[in-house]
Protein backbone atom coordinates (compact mmCIF):
# COMPACT_ATOMS: atom_id res chain seq x y z
CA MET A 1 134.14 84.08 40.37
CA ARG A 2 133.94 86.85 37.81
CA ASN A 3 134.93 89.48 40.42
CA ARG A 4 137.91 87.36 41.40
CA TYR A 5 139.04 87.12 37.79
CA LEU A 6 138.59 90.87 37.36
CA ALA A 7 140.58 91.60 40.54
CA LEU A 8 143.42 89.29 39.44
CA SER A 9 143.47 90.90 35.99
CA VAL A 10 143.70 94.38 37.52
CA LEU A 11 146.54 93.28 39.83
CA PHE A 12 148.39 91.67 36.93
CA LEU A 13 147.98 94.79 34.78
CA ALA A 14 149.15 97.04 37.64
CA ALA A 15 152.26 94.88 38.13
CA GLN A 16 153.03 95.05 34.41
CA LEU A 17 152.65 98.84 34.36
CA GLN A 18 154.85 99.15 37.45
CA GLY A 19 157.56 97.15 35.67
CA CYS A 20 157.35 99.33 32.56
CA SER A 21 157.55 102.47 34.66
CA ALA A 22 160.64 101.28 36.53
CA THR A 23 162.37 100.35 33.27
CA ALA A 24 161.70 103.72 31.64
CA GLN A 25 162.96 105.62 34.68
CA SER A 26 166.20 103.66 34.91
CA GLU A 27 167.07 104.10 31.25
CA PRO A 28 170.38 105.99 30.93
CA SER A 29 170.26 109.54 29.64
CA ILE A 30 172.75 112.18 28.54
CA ILE A 31 170.57 114.85 30.16
CA ASP A 32 172.75 115.51 33.18
CA ALA A 33 175.75 117.42 34.51
CA TRP A 34 179.12 116.14 33.30
CA GLN A 35 182.76 116.76 34.17
CA VAL A 36 185.21 116.78 31.27
CA GLN A 37 187.90 114.12 31.67
CA ARG A 38 189.64 114.29 28.30
CA VAL A 39 189.64 116.55 25.25
CA ALA A 40 191.12 114.97 22.11
CA ALA A 41 194.30 113.29 23.45
CA GLN A 42 194.63 115.75 26.36
CA VAL A 43 193.81 114.09 29.71
CA LEU A 44 192.68 116.75 32.16
CA PRO A 45 193.43 116.99 35.87
CA LEU A 46 190.48 116.35 38.18
CA ASP A 47 190.41 120.02 39.21
CA SER A 48 190.35 121.37 35.63
CA GLY A 49 186.91 122.90 36.15
CA LEU A 50 185.67 121.96 32.67
CA THR A 51 181.99 121.01 32.84
CA LEU A 52 179.09 120.42 30.49
CA THR A 53 175.43 120.26 31.43
CA LEU A 54 172.83 119.05 28.96
CA ASP A 55 169.33 120.16 29.97
CA LYS A 56 166.07 118.51 28.94
CA ASP A 57 165.15 121.68 27.00
CA LYS A 58 168.17 121.07 24.69
CA ARG A 59 170.30 123.80 26.27
CA ALA A 60 173.99 123.09 26.80
CA HIS A 61 175.97 125.10 29.32
CA GLY A 62 179.01 124.80 31.51
CA ASN A 63 182.47 126.02 32.35
CA GLY A 64 185.29 125.85 29.85
CA GLY A 65 187.88 125.99 32.61
CA CYS A 66 188.05 129.77 32.41
CA ASN A 67 184.81 131.03 30.87
CA MET A 68 181.17 130.09 31.28
CA PHE A 69 179.41 129.06 28.06
CA GLN A 70 175.95 128.25 26.79
CA GLY A 71 174.28 127.18 23.60
CA SER A 72 171.96 124.58 22.20
CA TYR A 73 172.26 120.94 21.26
CA ASP A 74 170.22 118.51 19.22
CA VAL A 75 169.98 114.79 19.83
CA GLN A 76 168.33 112.22 17.55
CA GLY A 77 168.97 108.67 18.69
CA SER A 78 172.75 108.51 19.15
CA ASP A 79 173.37 111.52 16.88
CA LEU A 80 174.38 114.65 18.81
CA THR A 81 175.30 118.09 17.55
CA PHE A 82 175.94 121.39 19.26
CA GLY A 83 174.77 124.76 17.99
CA PRO A 84 176.92 127.88 18.26
CA LEU A 85 178.20 128.49 21.79
CA ALA A 86 178.36 131.88 23.50
CA ALA A 87 181.01 132.33 26.18
CA THR A 88 182.15 134.98 28.60
CA ARG A 89 185.50 136.57 27.74
CA MET A 90 187.58 136.41 30.88
CA ALA A 91 191.35 136.21 30.56
CA CYS A 92 193.13 133.28 32.16
CA PRO A 93 196.66 131.86 32.04
CA THR A 94 197.64 130.72 28.54
CA PRO A 95 197.62 126.95 29.23
CA GLN A 96 194.10 127.18 30.65
CA MET A 97 192.91 129.23 27.65
CA GLU A 98 194.45 126.73 25.23
CA ILE A 99 192.62 123.80 26.84
CA GLU A 100 189.36 125.77 26.80
CA GLN A 101 189.73 126.60 23.10
CA LEU A 102 190.56 122.96 22.36
CA PHE A 103 187.39 121.95 24.24
CA PHE A 104 185.22 124.42 22.28
CA ARG A 105 186.74 123.33 18.94
CA ASN A 106 186.08 119.67 19.75
CA LEU A 107 182.48 120.31 20.82
CA ALA A 108 181.95 121.77 17.32
CA LYS A 109 183.17 118.44 15.83
CA VAL A 110 180.70 116.27 17.75
CA ALA A 111 178.37 114.19 15.56
CA SER A 112 177.27 111.40 17.94
CA TYR A 113 177.75 109.95 21.39
CA GLN A 114 178.23 106.70 23.30
CA LEU A 115 177.02 106.36 26.87
CA GLU A 116 178.83 103.70 28.89
CA GLY A 117 177.75 103.67 32.53
CA ASN A 118 178.64 107.07 33.95
CA THR A 119 180.97 107.93 31.05
CA LEU A 120 179.81 109.93 28.04
CA ASN A 121 182.01 109.76 24.93
CA LEU A 122 181.44 112.46 22.33
CA LEU A 123 182.37 111.28 18.85
CA ALA A 124 183.36 113.03 15.63
CA ARG A 125 181.90 112.04 12.26
CA ASP A 126 184.73 109.54 11.73
CA GLY A 127 183.83 107.81 15.03
CA GLY A 128 186.88 109.08 16.89
CA VAL A 129 186.39 110.15 20.49
CA VAL A 130 186.87 113.92 20.81
CA VAL A 131 185.63 114.51 24.38
CA VAL A 132 185.25 112.13 27.33
CA LEU A 133 183.02 113.17 30.24
CA ARG A 134 182.13 111.60 33.56
CA GLN A 135 178.77 112.11 35.23
CA SER A 136 179.06 114.69 38.00
CA LYS A 137 178.27 113.46 41.48
C-alpha cells in the first residue's frame, strides 16, 4: 500500500512539473527577430527591409532599411531601453535614409513595450507607440 501511494505521489508530482514546464516555455517573449511595420505615424511597405532582433544576451541588431546596426538593450519587466546604436554608413536614396533615421530616433525614445500576440509595440515615456513590429516568420 505504501509503495502504491509513493508511486501515485511521484506520478502526480511529475504531471505537475510537466505542466509548469509547458507553461514557462509557451510564455511570450520579446527575444526574437522582428520586422518593423510602423515608425511613428509612418506605415512601412512590407518590403521595407527594416528589422530588429533582440537576443537573449541583451544585444539588439538589425537592418535600418539601408544600414546594418547593433547595440544593446535592457529590459526590466515591461520597461525597455536601448543603448547607443552603431550602424554602417552606406548611402541610399533619400527617402530610405529618412525612414532609417526616423527609426533610429524613435528607438532612442523607447521606454517600455507591449507584446500582443505576434505584435511588439515599443512605447515612449508618455505611453505613445513609436515603433510597431511583427514577429518574423
